[in-house]
């Protein structure tokens, strides 16, 4: 059965997770203007994209579908996802923007869409799935 695992959204943020609790990381990102698309996209390209690109195809597909699902939901709570992951710089004035920019960096010119089989799929938050699928197989 096809499911949308929203835990992949948190997994995508991995390189930045907890950076608010690390003095060196807070110092590194202190000049990031979260409302500046260029600043934020540069951080995403430097930290998240290389790790994402090295993940197996199955992982990248599941992450793409989870992020697309969330971005296509009008009431998805991006602010809570961002805050709960303790990123060293504040979110943009609209937290959803960070995730739009994340999509644009990770998936380049790919339009924001959800594979048809995921449109009616059950939603899950299985913490283990990104860990299992994130390993090179």
C-alpha atoms as a PDB file:
ATOM      1  CA  UNK A   1       0.000   0.000   0.000  1.00  0.00           C
ATOM      2  CA  UNK A   2       1.244   3.481  -0.880  1.00  0.00           C
ATOM      3  CA  UNK A   3       1.449   5.942   2.021  1.00  0.00           C
ATOM      4  CA  UNK A   4       2.672   9.488   2.496  1.00  0.00           C
ATOM      5  CA  UNK A   5       5.135   9.526   5.365  1.00  0.00           C
ATOM      6  CA  UNK A   6       5.371  13.082   6.655  1.00  0.00           C
ATOM      7  CA  UNK A   7       8.420  12.108   8.703  1.00  0.00           C
ATOM      8  CA  UNK A   8      10.428  12.498   5.505  1.00  0.00           C
ATOM      9  CA  UNK A   9       9.924  16.270   5.781  1.00  0.00           C
ATOM     10  CA  UNK A  10      11.767  16.285   9.098  1.00  0.00           C
ATOM     11  CA  UNK A  11      14.379  13.905   7.666  1.00  0.00           C
ATOM     12  CA  UNK A  12      15.096  16.332   4.817  1.00  0.00           C
ATOM     13  CA  UNK A  13      16.100  18.966   7.351  1.00  0.00           C
ATOM     14  CA  UNK A  14      18.640  16.613   8.956  1.00  0.00           C
ATOM     15  CA  UNK A  15      21.813  18.656   8.427  1.00  0.00           C
ATOM     16  CA  UNK A  16      20.179  21.691  10.060  1.00  0.00           C
ATOM     17  CA  UNK A  17      18.275  19.894  12.835  1.00  0.00           C
ATOM     18  CA  UNK A  18      19.383  20.990  16.268  1.00  0.00           C
ATOM     19  CA  UNK A  19      21.658  23.710  14.930  1.00  0.00           C
ATOM     20  CA  UNK A  20      19.929  26.236  17.207  1.00  0.00           C
ATOM     21  CA  UNK A  21      21.409  24.331  20.152  1.00  0.00           C
ATOM     22  CA  UNK A  22      24.973  24.475  18.833  1.00  0.00           C
ATOM     23  CA  UNK A  23      26.988  27.660  19.455  1.00  0.00           C
ATOM     24  CA  UNK A  24      29.175  27.148  16.385  1.00  0.00           C
ATOM     25  CA  UNK A  25      26.148  26.595  14.134  1.00  0.00           C
ATOM     26  CA  UNK A  26      24.299  29.612  15.549  1.00  0.00           C
ATOM     27  CA  UNK A  27      27.413  31.683  14.887  1.00  0.00           C
ATOM     28  CA  UNK A  28      27.735  30.255  11.372  1.00  0.00           C
ATOM     29  CA  UNK A  29      24.146  31.198  10.462  1.00  0.00           C
ATOM     30  CA  UNK A  30      23.773  34.421  12.458  1.00  0.00           C
ATOM     31  CA  UNK A  31      23.819  36.588   9.317  1.00  0.00           C
ATOM     32  CA  UNK A  32      21.235  34.551   7.419  1.00  0.00           C
ATOM     33  CA  UNK A  33      18.267  36.740   6.605  1.00  0.00           C
ATOM     34  CA  UNK A  34      15.456  34.196   6.642  1.00  0.00           C
ATOM     35  CA  UNK A  35      13.293  36.390   4.421  1.00  0.00           C
ATOM     36  CA  UNK A  36      16.016  36.610   1.790  1.00  0.00           C
ATOM     37  CA  UNK A  37      15.448  33.857  -0.768  1.00  0.00           C
ATOM     38  CA  UNK A  38      19.087  33.936  -1.892  1.00  0.00           C
ATOM     39  CA  UNK A  39      20.427  33.510   1.673  1.00  0.00           C
ATOM     40  CA  UNK A  40      18.131  30.618   2.514  1.00  0.00           C
ATOM     41  CA  UNK A  41      18.585  28.834  -0.800  1.00  0.00           C
ATOM     42  CA  UNK A  42      22.365  29.078  -0.379  1.00  0.00           C
ATOM     43  CA  UNK A  43      22.122  27.368   3.023  1.00  0.00           C
ATOM     44  CA  UNK A  44      19.848  24.657   1.613  1.00  0.00           C
ATOM     45  CA  UNK A  45      22.150  24.094  -1.379  1.00  0.00           C
ATOM     46  CA  UNK A  46      25.206  23.861   0.870  1.00  0.00           C
ATOM     47  CA  UNK A  47      23.799  21.693   3.657  1.00  0.00           C
ATOM     48  CA  UNK A  48      20.701  19.742   2.627  1.00  0.00           C
ATOM     49  CA  UNK A  49      21.091  19.144  -1.120  1.00  0.00           C
ATOM     50  CA  UNK A  50      24.403  17.199  -1.073  1.00  0.00           C
ATOM     51  CA  UNK A  51      23.073  14.800   1.541  1.00  0.00           C
ATOM     52  CA  UNK A  52      19.757  14.427  -0.285  1.00  0.00           C
ATOM     53  CA  UNK A  53      21.455  13.746  -3.620  1.00  0.00           C
ATOM     54  CA  UNK A  54      23.392  10.867  -2.049  1.00  0.00           C
ATOM     55  CA  UNK A  55      20.267   9.107  -0.805  1.00  0.00           C
ATOM     56  CA  UNK A  56      18.800   6.132  -2.677  1.00  0.00           C
ATOM     57  CA  UNK A  57      16.130   6.760  -5.307  1.00  0.00           C
ATOM     58  CA  UNK A  58      13.402   5.234  -3.094  1.00  0.00           C
ATOM     59  CA  UNK A  59      14.229   7.667  -0.283  1.00  0.00           C
ATOM     60  CA  UNK A  60      14.288  10.690  -2.617  1.00  0.00           C
ATOM     61  CA  UNK A  61      10.934   9.696  -4.127  1.00  0.00           C
ATOM     62  CA  UNK A  62       9.278   9.247  -0.730  1.00  0.00           C
ATOM     63  CA  UNK A  63      10.706  12.578   0.457  1.00  0.00           C
ATOM     64  CA  UNK A  64       9.520  14.345  -2.709  1.00  0.00           C
ATOM     65  CA  UNK A  65       6.004  13.000  -2.289  1.00  0.00           C
ATOM     66  CA  UNK A  66       5.872  13.932   1.405  1.00  0.00           C
ATOM     67  CA  UNK A  67       7.067  17.481   0.726  1.00  0.00           C
ATOM     68  CA  UNK A  68       4.725  17.863  -2.264  1.00  0.00           C
ATOM     69  CA  UNK A  69       1.808  16.598  -0.185  1.00  0.00           C
ATOM     70  CA  UNK A  70       2.525  19.109   2.582  1.00  0.00           C
ATOM     71  CA  UNK A  71       3.034  22.029   0.182  1.00  0.00           C
ATOM     72  CA  UNK A  72      -0.264  21.262  -1.537  1.00  0.00           C
ATOM     73  CA  UNK A  73      -2.197  21.305   1.752  1.00  0.00           C
ATOM     74  CA  UNK A  74      -3.552  24.797   2.483  1.00  0.00           C
ATOM     75  CA  UNK A  75      -3.442  24.308   6.260  1.00  0.00           C
ATOM     76  CA  UNK A  76      -0.217  22.363   6.765  1.00  0.00           C
ATOM     77  CA  UNK A  77       1.623  23.716   9.826  1.00  0.00           C
ATOM     78  CA  UNK A  78       5.083  24.471   8.459  1.00  0.00           C
ATOM     79  CA  UNK A  79       5.892  26.804  11.355  1.00  0.00           C
ATOM     80  CA  UNK A  80       5.686  23.952  13.854  1.00  0.00           C
ATOM     81  CA  UNK A  81       7.807  21.640  11.684  1.00  0.00           C
ATOM     82  CA  UNK A  82      10.451  24.354  11.334  1.00  0.00           C
ATOM     83  CA  UNK A  83      10.446  25.300  15.026  1.00  0.00           C
ATOM     84  CA  UNK A  84      10.459  21.708  16.283  1.00  0.00           C
ATOM     85  CA  UNK A  85      13.603  20.970  14.278  1.00  0.00           C
ATOM     86  CA  UNK A  86      15.542  23.718  16.090  1.00  0.00           C
ATOM     87  CA  UNK A  87      17.146  25.351  13.063  1.00  0.00           C
ATOM     88  CA  UNK A  88      19.755  28.007  13.928  1.00  0.00           C
ATOM     89  CA  UNK A  89      18.065  30.849  12.062  1.00  0.00           C
ATOM     90  CA  UNK A  90      14.406  31.857  12.339  1.00  0.00           C
ATOM     91  CA  UNK A  91      11.942  30.885   9.632  1.00  0.00           C
ATOM     92  CA  UNK A  92      10.895  33.375   6.963  1.00  0.00           C
ATOM     93  CA  UNK A  93       7.889  35.542   7.841  1.00  0.00           C
ATOM     94  CA  UNK A  94       5.818  32.723   6.327  1.00  0.00           C
ATOM     95  CA  UNK A  95       7.447  29.418   7.313  1.00  0.00           C
ATOM     96  CA  UNK A  96       5.972  27.758   4.226  1.00  0.00           C
ATOM     97  CA  UNK A  97       8.427  29.809   2.119  1.00  0.00           C
ATOM     98  CA  UNK A  98      11.384  27.883   3.530  1.00  0.00           C
ATOM     99  CA  UNK A  99       9.821  24.637   2.311  1.00  0.00           C
ATOM    100  CA  UNK A 100       8.979  26.116  -1.100  1.00  0.00           C
ATOM    101  CA  UNK A 101      12.642  27.133  -1.435  1.00  0.00           C
ATOM    102  CA  UNK A 102      13.656  23.675  -0.239  1.00  0.00           C
ATOM    103  CA  UNK A 103      11.539  22.174  -3.046  1.00  0.00           C
ATOM    104  CA  UNK A 104      13.076  24.535  -5.609  1.00  0.00           C
ATOM    105  CA  UNK A 105      16.643  23.580  -4.633  1.00  0.00           C
ATOM    106  CA  UNK A 106      16.096  19.843  -4.269  1.00  0.00           C
ATOM    107  CA  UNK A 107      13.886  19.356  -7.307  1.00  0.00           C
ATOM    108  CA  UNK A 108      15.116  22.216  -9.506  1.00  0.00           C
ATOM    109  CA  UNK A 109      12.729  22.709 -12.400  1.00  0.00           C
ATOM    110  CA  UNK A 110      10.332  19.950 -11.415  1.00  0.00           C
ATOM    111  CA  UNK A 111       6.823  21.341 -10.985  1.00  0.00           C
ATOM    112  CA  UNK A 112       5.203  20.951  -7.608  1.00  0.00           C
ATOM    113  CA  UNK A 113       2.928  17.970  -8.071  1.00  0.00           C
ATOM    114  CA  UNK A 114       1.970  14.821  -6.272  1.00  0.00           C
ATOM    115  CA  UNK A 115       2.119  11.434  -7.963  1.00  0.00           C
ATOM    116  CA  UNK A 116      -1.486  10.280  -8.588  1.00  0.00           C
ATOM    117  CA  UNK A 117      -1.199   7.216  -6.342  1.00  0.00           C
ATOM    118  CA  UNK A 118      -0.374   9.470  -3.391  1.00  0.00           C
ATOM    119  CA  UNK A 119      -3.387  11.768  -3.688  1.00  0.00           C
ATOM    120  CA  UNK A 120      -5.683   9.498  -1.667  1.00  0.00           C
ATOM    121  CA  UNK A 121      -2.938   7.667   0.211  1.00  0.00           C
ATOM    122  CA  UNK A 122      -3.043   7.270   3.975  1.00  0.00           C
ATOM    123  CA  UNK A 123      -0.778   9.578   5.954  1.00  0.00           C
ATOM    124  CA  UNK A 124       1.764   8.239   8.416  1.00  0.00           C
ATOM    125  CA  UNK A 125       4.649   9.519  10.539  1.00  0.00           C
ATOM    126  CA  UNK A 126       6.807   6.420  10.749  1.00  0.00           C
ATOM    127  CA  UNK A 127      10.120   7.568  12.241  1.00  0.00           C
ATOM    128  CA  UNK A 128      11.916   4.404  11.142  1.00  0.00           C
ATOM    129  CA  UNK A 129      11.140   4.531   7.431  1.00  0.00           C
ATOM    130  CA  UNK A 130      13.458   7.450   6.536  1.00  0.00           C
ATOM    131  CA  UNK A 131      16.230   5.818   8.554  1.00  0.00           C
ATOM    132  CA  UNK A 132      15.819   2.490   6.797  1.00  0.00           C
ATOM    133  CA  UNK A 133      15.445   3.960   3.315  1.00  0.00           C
ATOM    134  CA  UNK A 134      18.203   6.489   3.836  1.00  0.00           C
ATOM    135  CA  UNK A 135      20.880   3.841   3.812  1.00  0.00           C
ATOM    136  CA  UNK A 136      22.590   3.086   0.549  1.00  0.00           C
ATOM    137  CA  UNK A 137      21.355  -0.270  -0.655  1.00  0.00           C
END
